[in-house]
Amino acid sequence: MNAPHLLALATIGLLSTNFSCKQTDETPCPEGPVTLLPLTNWNYSPYCFATPVVGAQAQTYVINSVADLQALNHCTTAPTIDFSHYTLLAGKTKTAACSSVDSQQVIQTCANGYSTGFTYRVKLAAGACQASTEVMYCVLVPKIPAGTAVVFDVQLP
């Protein structure tokens, strides 16, 4: 090859590397609220899920498989969830009055472009009765990798 051919090849090589559309495999961490997905066809009850709440303690669960859900749900009905794409966050808390879920939100926190964890915020509203009850809350979210920190922040009425 002569010098002009080599120069042309070198120029083409430099231009193609400078103007290439290389995409990275990783998506930056989207900090903030997570999209909540509807959990349909499941009339869940706190009395069918896991064990009774002792004292003022709460029970919280990050469910990433059908086996995990079956181990906790003692009733005959259960939702159909594709756990390869979704995670079920659930919990129950004993309250002093007939409480219900007023609002819920899941927030993702990030550092240096990577997820550092999630916070599941649940606000409970007081009911009209004075009976002590267990209130259950759950939400379906895009898949949370195993081992990722999930904090449950339950605000009592």
N, C-alpha and C. Protein backbone atom coordinates (compact mmCIF):
# COMPACT_ATOMS: atom_id res chain seq x y z
N MET A 1 0.84 -1.19 0.00
CA MET A 1 0.00 0.00 0.00
C MET A 1 0.87 1.24 0.00
N ASN A 2 0.38 2.24 -0.67
CA ASN A 2 1.16 3.46 -0.72
C ASN A 2 0.69 4.42 0.38
N ALA A 3 1.39 5.48 0.54
CA ALA A 3 1.15 6.44 1.62
C ALA A 3 -0.24 7.06 1.57
N PRO A 4 -0.76 7.47 0.40
CA PRO A 4 -2.11 8.05 0.39
C PRO A 4 -3.19 7.06 0.86
N HIS A 5 -3.03 5.77 0.50
CA HIS A 5 -4.01 4.77 0.95
C HIS A 5 -3.96 4.61 2.46
N LEU A 6 -2.76 4.54 3.00
CA LEU A 6 -2.61 4.40 4.46
C LEU A 6 -3.18 5.61 5.19
N LEU A 7 -2.93 6.79 4.64
CA LEU A 7 -3.45 8.01 5.25
C LEU A 7 -4.98 8.02 5.21
N ALA A 8 -5.56 7.59 4.10
CA ALA A 8 -7.02 7.54 3.98
C ALA A 8 -7.61 6.54 4.97
N LEU A 9 -6.99 5.37 5.10
CA LEU A 9 -7.48 4.36 6.05
C LEU A 9 -7.38 4.87 7.49
N ALA A 10 -6.30 5.54 7.82
CA ALA A 10 -6.12 6.07 9.17
C ALA A 10 -7.17 7.14 9.46
N THR A 11 -7.44 8.00 8.48
CA THR A 11 -8.44 9.05 8.65
C THR A 11 -9.83 8.45 8.85
N ILE A 12 -10.19 7.47 8.04
CA ILE A 12 -11.49 6.80 8.18
C ILE A 12 -11.61 6.14 9.55
N GLY A 13 -10.53 5.50 9.99
CA GLY A 13 -10.53 4.85 11.30
C GLY A 13 -10.76 5.84 12.42
N LEU A 14 -10.08 6.98 12.37
CA LEU A 14 -10.25 8.00 13.40
C LEU A 14 -11.65 8.59 13.38
N LEU A 15 -12.17 8.87 12.21
CA LEU A 15 -13.52 9.43 12.11
C LEU A 15 -14.56 8.45 12.62
N SER A 16 -14.40 7.19 12.30
CA SER A 16 -15.41 6.21 12.73
C SER A 16 -15.39 6.01 14.25
N THR A 17 -14.23 6.11 14.88
CA THR A 17 -14.20 5.95 16.34
C THR A 17 -14.73 7.20 17.03
N ASN A 18 -14.48 8.37 16.47
CA ASN A 18 -14.96 9.60 17.10
C ASN A 18 -16.46 9.80 16.92
N PHE A 19 -17.03 9.27 15.87
CA PHE A 19 -18.45 9.48 15.61
C PHE A 19 -19.27 8.22 15.79
N SER A 20 -18.72 7.24 16.45
CA SER A 20 -19.49 6.01 16.64
C SER A 20 -20.58 6.24 17.68
N CYS A 21 -21.65 5.48 17.56
CA CYS A 21 -22.78 5.59 18.47
C CYS A 21 -22.74 4.44 19.46
N LYS A 22 -21.75 4.44 20.28
CA LYS A 22 -21.63 3.36 21.26
C LYS A 22 -22.64 3.60 22.38
N GLN A 23 -23.40 2.56 22.71
CA GLN A 23 -24.36 2.65 23.80
C GLN A 23 -23.85 1.79 24.94
N THR A 24 -24.03 2.29 26.14
CA THR A 24 -23.64 1.50 27.29
C THR A 24 -24.76 0.54 27.64
N ASP A 25 -24.39 -0.55 28.31
CA ASP A 25 -25.37 -1.56 28.70
C ASP A 25 -26.16 -1.15 29.94
N GLU A 26 -25.66 -0.17 30.68
CA GLU A 26 -26.31 0.19 31.92
C GLU A 26 -27.10 1.47 31.77
N THR A 27 -28.28 1.49 32.39
CA THR A 27 -29.12 2.67 32.41
C THR A 27 -28.83 3.41 33.70
N PRO A 28 -28.68 4.73 33.65
CA PRO A 28 -28.46 5.46 34.90
C PRO A 28 -29.62 5.23 35.87
N CYS A 29 -29.31 5.29 37.12
CA CYS A 29 -30.31 5.06 38.17
C CYS A 29 -31.33 6.20 38.16
N PRO A 30 -32.61 5.89 37.96
CA PRO A 30 -33.64 6.94 37.99
C PRO A 30 -34.10 7.19 39.43
N GLU A 31 -33.47 8.16 40.10
CA GLU A 31 -33.82 8.45 41.49
C GLU A 31 -35.20 9.10 41.57
N GLY A 32 -35.98 8.69 42.56
CA GLY A 32 -37.29 9.27 42.77
C GLY A 32 -38.38 8.22 42.81
N PRO A 33 -39.63 8.66 42.62
CA PRO A 33 -40.76 7.73 42.71
C PRO A 33 -40.69 6.61 41.68
N VAL A 34 -41.08 5.42 42.10
CA VAL A 34 -41.12 4.24 41.24
C VAL A 34 -42.56 4.04 40.79
N THR A 35 -42.74 3.60 39.56
CA THR A 35 -44.08 3.33 39.05
C THR A 35 -44.69 2.14 39.78
N LEU A 36 -45.86 2.36 40.37
CA LEU A 36 -46.58 1.29 41.06
C LEU A 36 -47.51 0.63 40.06
N LEU A 37 -47.54 -0.69 40.06
CA LEU A 37 -48.38 -1.42 39.13
C LEU A 37 -49.61 -1.96 39.85
N PRO A 38 -50.73 -2.01 39.17
CA PRO A 38 -51.94 -2.52 39.82
C PRO A 38 -51.81 -4.00 40.15
N LEU A 39 -52.26 -4.36 41.33
CA LEU A 39 -52.27 -5.75 41.77
C LEU A 39 -53.73 -6.17 41.73
N THR A 40 -54.10 -6.84 40.66
CA THR A 40 -55.51 -7.18 40.44
C THR A 40 -55.78 -8.64 40.77
N ASN A 41 -57.04 -8.95 40.88
CA ASN A 41 -57.52 -10.33 41.10
C ASN A 41 -56.96 -10.96 42.37
N TRP A 42 -56.80 -10.16 43.42
CA TRP A 42 -56.36 -10.72 44.69
C TRP A 42 -57.01 -9.94 45.82
N ASN A 43 -57.91 -10.57 46.51
CA ASN A 43 -58.56 -9.97 47.66
C ASN A 43 -57.79 -10.43 48.90
N TYR A 44 -56.65 -9.82 49.14
CA TYR A 44 -55.78 -10.26 50.21
C TYR A 44 -56.33 -9.87 51.58
N SER A 45 -55.98 -10.66 52.56
CA SER A 45 -56.41 -10.43 53.93
C SER A 45 -55.20 -10.55 54.84
N PRO A 46 -55.08 -9.68 55.85
CA PRO A 46 -53.96 -9.81 56.77
C PRO A 46 -54.00 -11.12 57.55
N TYR A 47 -55.16 -11.73 57.64
CA TYR A 47 -55.29 -12.97 58.41
C TYR A 47 -54.90 -14.19 57.58
N CYS A 48 -54.69 -14.02 56.30
CA CYS A 48 -54.24 -15.11 55.43
C CYS A 48 -52.74 -15.02 55.16
N PHE A 49 -52.14 -13.95 55.57
CA PHE A 49 -50.77 -13.68 55.17
C PHE A 49 -49.82 -13.81 56.36
N ALA A 50 -48.91 -14.75 56.26
CA ALA A 50 -47.87 -15.01 57.27
C ALA A 50 -48.48 -15.33 58.62
N THR A 51 -48.00 -14.69 59.67
CA THR A 51 -48.46 -14.99 61.02
C THR A 51 -49.01 -13.73 61.66
N PRO A 52 -49.78 -13.85 62.75
CA PRO A 52 -50.31 -12.65 63.41
C PRO A 52 -49.19 -11.73 63.88
N VAL A 53 -49.47 -10.45 63.84
CA VAL A 53 -48.51 -9.45 64.29
C VAL A 53 -48.52 -9.44 65.82
N VAL A 54 -47.35 -9.51 66.42
CA VAL A 54 -47.23 -9.53 67.87
C VAL A 54 -46.97 -8.11 68.37
N GLY A 55 -47.79 -7.67 69.34
CA GLY A 55 -47.59 -6.34 69.93
C GLY A 55 -47.71 -5.25 68.89
N ALA A 56 -46.81 -4.30 68.95
CA ALA A 56 -46.84 -3.17 68.03
C ALA A 56 -45.92 -3.38 66.84
N GLN A 57 -45.41 -4.58 66.69
CA GLN A 57 -44.47 -4.85 65.61
C GLN A 57 -45.18 -4.91 64.26
N ALA A 58 -44.42 -4.67 63.24
CA ALA A 58 -44.92 -4.81 61.87
C ALA A 58 -44.17 -5.96 61.20
N GLN A 59 -44.79 -6.54 60.21
CA GLN A 59 -44.14 -7.56 59.40
C GLN A 59 -43.97 -6.98 58.00
N THR A 60 -42.80 -7.14 57.43
CA THR A 60 -42.54 -6.61 56.09
C THR A 60 -41.88 -7.69 55.24
N TYR A 61 -42.20 -7.66 53.94
CA TYR A 61 -41.73 -8.71 53.04
C TYR A 61 -41.36 -8.12 51.68
N VAL A 62 -40.23 -8.57 51.15
CA VAL A 62 -39.83 -8.29 49.78
C VAL A 62 -39.91 -9.64 49.07
N ILE A 63 -40.91 -9.80 48.21
CA ILE A 63 -41.23 -11.10 47.62
C ILE A 63 -40.80 -11.11 46.16
N ASN A 64 -39.86 -12.00 45.84
CA ASN A 64 -39.29 -12.06 44.50
C ASN A 64 -39.52 -13.38 43.79
N SER A 65 -40.38 -14.25 44.35
CA SER A 65 -40.63 -15.54 43.69
C SER A 65 -41.99 -16.09 44.09
N VAL A 66 -42.50 -16.99 43.27
CA VAL A 66 -43.77 -17.66 43.58
C VAL A 66 -43.63 -18.46 44.87
N ALA A 67 -42.48 -19.10 45.06
CA ALA A 67 -42.25 -19.90 46.27
C ALA A 67 -42.30 -19.02 47.52
N ASP A 68 -41.71 -17.82 47.45
CA ASP A 68 -41.76 -16.89 48.59
C ASP A 68 -43.20 -16.51 48.90
N LEU A 69 -43.98 -16.23 47.86
CA LEU A 69 -45.38 -15.84 48.06
C LEU A 69 -46.19 -16.99 48.64
N GLN A 70 -46.01 -18.19 48.13
CA GLN A 70 -46.75 -19.34 48.63
C GLN A 70 -46.41 -19.65 50.08
N ALA A 71 -45.18 -19.42 50.48
CA ALA A 71 -44.77 -19.68 51.86
C ALA A 71 -45.43 -18.71 52.84
N LEU A 72 -45.79 -17.52 52.38
CA LEU A 72 -46.38 -16.50 53.25
C LEU A 72 -47.89 -16.46 53.20
N ASN A 73 -48.48 -16.81 52.07
CA ASN A 73 -49.92 -16.70 51.86
C ASN A 73 -50.59 -18.02 52.21
N HIS A 74 -51.40 -18.03 53.27
CA HIS A 74 -52.05 -19.25 53.73
C HIS A 74 -53.47 -19.41 53.19
N CYS A 75 -53.93 -18.51 52.37
CA CYS A 75 -55.26 -18.63 51.78
C CYS A 75 -55.15 -19.28 50.40
N THR A 76 -56.29 -19.65 49.86
CA THR A 76 -56.29 -20.38 48.60
C THR A 76 -56.07 -19.48 47.39
N THR A 77 -56.36 -18.19 47.52
CA THR A 77 -56.19 -17.30 46.37
C THR A 77 -54.85 -16.59 46.45
N ALA A 78 -54.26 -16.39 45.31
CA ALA A 78 -53.00 -15.64 45.22
C ALA A 78 -52.95 -14.99 43.84
N PRO A 79 -52.30 -13.84 43.75
CA PRO A 79 -52.21 -13.18 42.45
C PRO A 79 -51.24 -13.91 41.53
N THR A 80 -51.45 -13.75 40.24
CA THR A 80 -50.50 -14.26 39.27
C THR A 80 -49.53 -13.13 38.96
N ILE A 81 -48.26 -13.34 39.33
CA ILE A 81 -47.24 -12.31 39.16
C ILE A 81 -46.06 -12.90 38.40
N ASP A 82 -45.57 -12.17 37.42
CA ASP A 82 -44.37 -12.58 36.70
C ASP A 82 -43.16 -12.06 37.48
N PHE A 83 -42.63 -12.90 38.37
CA PHE A 83 -41.54 -12.47 39.25
C PHE A 83 -40.21 -12.29 38.51
N SER A 84 -40.14 -12.62 37.24
CA SER A 84 -38.93 -12.31 36.48
C SER A 84 -38.88 -10.82 36.15
N HIS A 85 -40.03 -10.14 36.23
CA HIS A 85 -40.10 -8.72 35.92
C HIS A 85 -40.56 -7.85 37.09
N TYR A 86 -41.16 -8.45 38.12
CA TYR A 86 -41.76 -7.66 39.19
C TYR A 86 -41.39 -8.18 40.57
N THR A 87 -41.51 -7.29 41.55
CA THR A 87 -41.32 -7.61 42.97
C THR A 87 -42.58 -7.17 43.70
N LEU A 88 -43.02 -7.98 44.64
CA LEU A 88 -44.16 -7.64 45.48
C LEU A 88 -43.63 -7.19 46.83
N LEU A 89 -43.92 -5.95 47.20
CA LEU A 89 -43.59 -5.44 48.53
C LEU A 89 -44.86 -5.53 49.35
N ALA A 90 -44.79 -6.13 50.53
CA ALA A 90 -45.98 -6.31 51.35
C ALA A 90 -45.62 -6.19 52.82
N GLY A 91 -46.63 -5.87 53.60
CA GLY A 91 -46.44 -5.79 55.04
C GLY A 91 -47.77 -5.71 55.73
N LYS A 92 -47.72 -5.87 57.04
CA LYS A 92 -48.92 -5.65 57.84
C LYS A 92 -48.51 -5.12 59.20
N THR A 93 -49.39 -4.29 59.74
CA THR A 93 -49.12 -3.60 60.99
C THR A 93 -50.37 -3.65 61.85
N LYS A 94 -50.18 -3.84 63.14
CA LYS A 94 -51.30 -3.81 64.08
C LYS A 94 -51.55 -2.35 64.45
N THR A 95 -52.83 -1.95 64.41
CA THR A 95 -53.18 -0.57 64.73
C THR A 95 -54.23 -0.55 65.84
N ALA A 96 -54.37 0.60 66.47
CA ALA A 96 -55.30 0.74 67.59
C ALA A 96 -56.74 0.95 67.12
N ALA A 97 -56.94 1.26 65.89
CA ALA A 97 -58.29 1.49 65.36
C ALA A 97 -58.41 0.79 64.01
N CYS A 98 -59.61 0.69 63.52
CA CYS A 98 -59.85 0.04 62.21
C CYS A 98 -59.22 0.89 61.11
N SER A 99 -57.95 0.75 60.91
CA SER A 99 -57.23 1.58 59.95
C SER A 99 -57.26 1.00 58.55
N SER A 100 -56.94 1.86 57.60
CA SER A 100 -56.84 1.44 56.20
C SER A 100 -55.70 2.21 55.55
N VAL A 101 -55.29 1.79 54.37
CA VAL A 101 -54.21 2.47 53.65
C VAL A 101 -54.76 3.75 53.04
N ASP A 102 -54.13 4.86 53.38
CA ASP A 102 -54.51 6.16 52.84
C ASP A 102 -53.71 6.45 51.57
N SER A 103 -52.40 6.21 51.62
CA SER A 103 -51.55 6.42 50.44
C SER A 103 -50.31 5.55 50.56
N GLN A 104 -49.70 5.30 49.42
CA GLN A 104 -48.45 4.53 49.40
C GLN A 104 -47.60 4.99 48.23
N GLN A 105 -46.29 4.90 48.43
CA GLN A 105 -45.33 5.36 47.43
C GLN A 105 -44.03 4.58 47.63
N VAL A 106 -43.35 4.30 46.54
CA VAL A 106 -42.03 3.67 46.59
C VAL A 106 -41.04 4.64 45.96
N ILE A 107 -39.96 4.92 46.69
CA ILE A 107 -38.94 5.86 46.23
C ILE A 107 -37.62 5.10 46.08
N GLN A 108 -36.94 5.33 44.95
CA GLN A 108 -35.61 4.75 44.76
C GLN A 108 -34.56 5.82 45.04
N THR A 109 -33.50 5.43 45.77
CA THR A 109 -32.39 6.34 46.01
C THR A 109 -31.17 5.84 45.25
N CYS A 110 -30.35 6.79 44.80
CA CYS A 110 -29.19 6.44 43.97
C CYS A 110 -27.95 7.19 44.44
N ALA A 111 -26.81 6.63 44.10
CA ALA A 111 -25.52 7.30 44.32
C ALA A 111 -24.59 6.86 43.20
N ASN A 112 -23.95 7.83 42.57
CA ASN A 112 -23.01 7.56 41.47
C ASN A 112 -23.65 6.74 40.34
N GLY A 113 -24.93 6.97 40.08
CA GLY A 113 -25.61 6.29 38.98
C GLY A 113 -26.12 4.90 39.29
N TYR A 114 -25.94 4.45 40.54
CA TYR A 114 -26.38 3.11 40.92
C TYR A 114 -27.41 3.19 42.05
N SER A 115 -28.34 2.25 42.06
CA SER A 115 -29.36 2.21 43.10
C SER A 115 -28.73 1.86 44.44
N THR A 116 -29.10 2.62 45.47
CA THR A 116 -28.64 2.31 46.82
C THR A 116 -29.76 1.71 47.65
N GLY A 117 -30.98 1.70 47.09
CA GLY A 117 -32.08 1.08 47.80
C GLY A 117 -33.41 1.74 47.49
N PHE A 118 -34.43 1.25 48.20
CA PHE A 118 -35.80 1.71 48.00
C PHE A 118 -36.44 1.97 49.36
N THR A 119 -37.37 2.92 49.40
CA THR A 119 -38.18 3.16 50.58
C THR A 119 -39.64 3.02 50.18
N TYR A 120 -40.35 2.15 50.89
CA TYR A 120 -41.79 1.94 50.66
C TYR A 120 -42.52 2.70 51.76
N ARG A 121 -43.15 3.82 51.40
CA ARG A 121 -43.87 4.67 52.36
C ARG A 121 -45.35 4.34 52.31
N VAL A 122 -45.89 4.06 53.47
CA VAL A 122 -47.31 3.75 53.59
C VAL A 122 -47.90 4.67 54.65
N LYS A 123 -48.95 5.40 54.30
CA LYS A 123 -49.64 6.24 55.27
C LYS A 123 -50.98 5.58 55.57
N LEU A 124 -51.23 5.31 56.86
CA LEU A 124 -52.48 4.69 57.28
C LEU A 124 -53.43 5.75 57.79
N ALA A 125 -54.73 5.54 57.55
CA ALA A 125 -55.77 6.44 58.02
C ALA A 125 -56.59 5.73 59.09
N ALA A 126 -56.98 6.47 60.11
CA ALA A 126 -57.78 5.90 61.20
C ALA A 126 -59.19 5.60 60.73
N GLY A 127 -59.73 4.51 61.25
CA GLY A 127 -61.11 4.14 60.94
C GLY A 127 -62.06 4.62 62.02
N ALA A 128 -63.33 4.25 61.88
CA ALA A 128 -64.36 4.72 62.80
C ALA A 128 -64.48 3.87 64.06
N CYS A 129 -63.92 2.69 64.08
CA CYS A 129 -64.07 1.83 65.25
C CYS A 129 -62.84 1.91 66.15
N GLN A 130 -62.93 1.35 67.32
CA GLN A 130 -61.83 1.36 68.28
C GLN A 130 -61.13 0.01 68.40
N ALA A 131 -61.56 -0.95 67.61
CA ALA A 131 -60.99 -2.30 67.70
C ALA A 131 -59.57 -2.32 67.16
N SER A 132 -58.73 -3.07 67.83
CA SER A 132 -57.36 -3.27 67.36
C SER A 132 -57.40 -4.22 66.16
N THR A 133 -56.82 -3.80 65.06
CA THR A 133 -56.85 -4.63 63.84
C THR A 133 -55.48 -4.67 63.20
N GLU A 134 -55.30 -5.63 62.32
CA GLU A 134 -54.10 -5.69 61.50
C GLU A 134 -54.46 -5.15 60.12
N VAL A 135 -53.67 -4.24 59.64
CA VAL A 135 -53.90 -3.68 58.32
C VAL A 135 -52.78 -4.18 57.41
N MET A 136 -53.15 -4.63 56.22
CA MET A 136 -52.17 -5.14 55.27
C MET A 136 -52.04 -4.17 54.11
N TYR A 137 -50.83 -4.05 53.60
CA TYR A 137 -50.55 -3.18 52.46
C TYR A 137 -49.59 -3.90 51.54
N CYS A 138 -49.76 -3.71 50.26
CA CYS A 138 -48.85 -4.33 49.30
C CYS A 138 -48.87 -3.54 48.00
N VAL A 139 -47.78 -3.66 47.27
CA VAL A 139 -47.65 -2.95 46.01
C VAL A 139 -46.72 -3.76 45.11
N LEU A 140 -47.02 -3.72 43.83
CA LEU A 140 -46.21 -4.40 42.82
C LEU A 140 -45.35 -3.35 42.12
N VAL A 141 -44.04 -3.63 42.04
CA VAL A 141 -43.11 -2.68 41.43
C VAL A 141 -42.21 -3.42 40.44
N PRO A 142 -41.55 -2.69 39.54
CA PRO A 142 -40.58 -3.36 38.67
C PRO A 142 -39.54 -4.10 39.52
N LYS A 143 -38.98 -5.14 38.97
CA LYS A 143 -38.09 -6.06 39.70
C LYS A 143 -37.01 -5.32 40.50
N ILE A 144 -36.93 -5.66 41.77
CA ILE A 144 -35.87 -5.18 42.65
C ILE A 144 -34.88 -6.33 42.81
N PRO A 145 -33.62 -6.13 42.47
CA PRO A 145 -32.65 -7.23 42.58
C PRO A 145 -32.53 -7.74 44.01
N ALA A 146 -32.33 -9.03 44.14
CA ALA A 146 -32.15 -9.65 45.46
C ALA A 146 -30.98 -8.99 46.17
N GLY A 147 -31.14 -8.76 47.45
CA GLY A 147 -30.09 -8.15 48.25
C GLY A 147 -30.13 -6.64 48.29
N THR A 148 -31.00 -6.02 47.49
CA THR A 148 -31.13 -4.56 47.50
C THR A 148 -31.89 -4.14 48.76
N ALA A 149 -31.43 -3.09 49.41
CA ALA A 149 -32.06 -2.61 50.64
C ALA A 149 -33.45 -2.04 50.34
N VAL A 150 -34.44 -2.47 51.13
CA VAL A 150 -35.79 -1.91 51.06
C VAL A 150 -36.19 -1.53 52.48
N VAL A 151 -36.48 -0.24 52.68
CA VAL A 151 -36.91 0.27 53.98
C VAL A 151 -38.42 0.47 53.92
N PHE A 152 -39.12 -0.03 54.93
CA PHE A 152 -40.56 0.16 55.04
C PHE A 152 -40.81 1.30 56.03
N ASP A 153 -41.44 2.37 55.56
CA ASP A 153 -41.75 3.54 56.38
C ASP A 153 -43.27 3.62 56.51
N VAL A 154 -43.80 3.07 57.61
CA VAL A 154 -45.25 3.02 57.81
C VAL A 154 -45.64 4.11 58.81
N GLN A 155 -46.50 5.02 58.38
CA GLN A 155 -46.96 6.12 59.22
C GLN A 155 -48.33 5.78 59.78
N LEU A 156 -48.38 5.57 61.10
CA LEU A 156 -49.63 5.21 61.77
C LEU A 156 -50.54 6.42 61.88
N PRO A 157 -51.86 6.18 61.98
CA PRO A 157 -52.80 7.31 62.10
C PRO A 157 -52.65 8.02 63.44
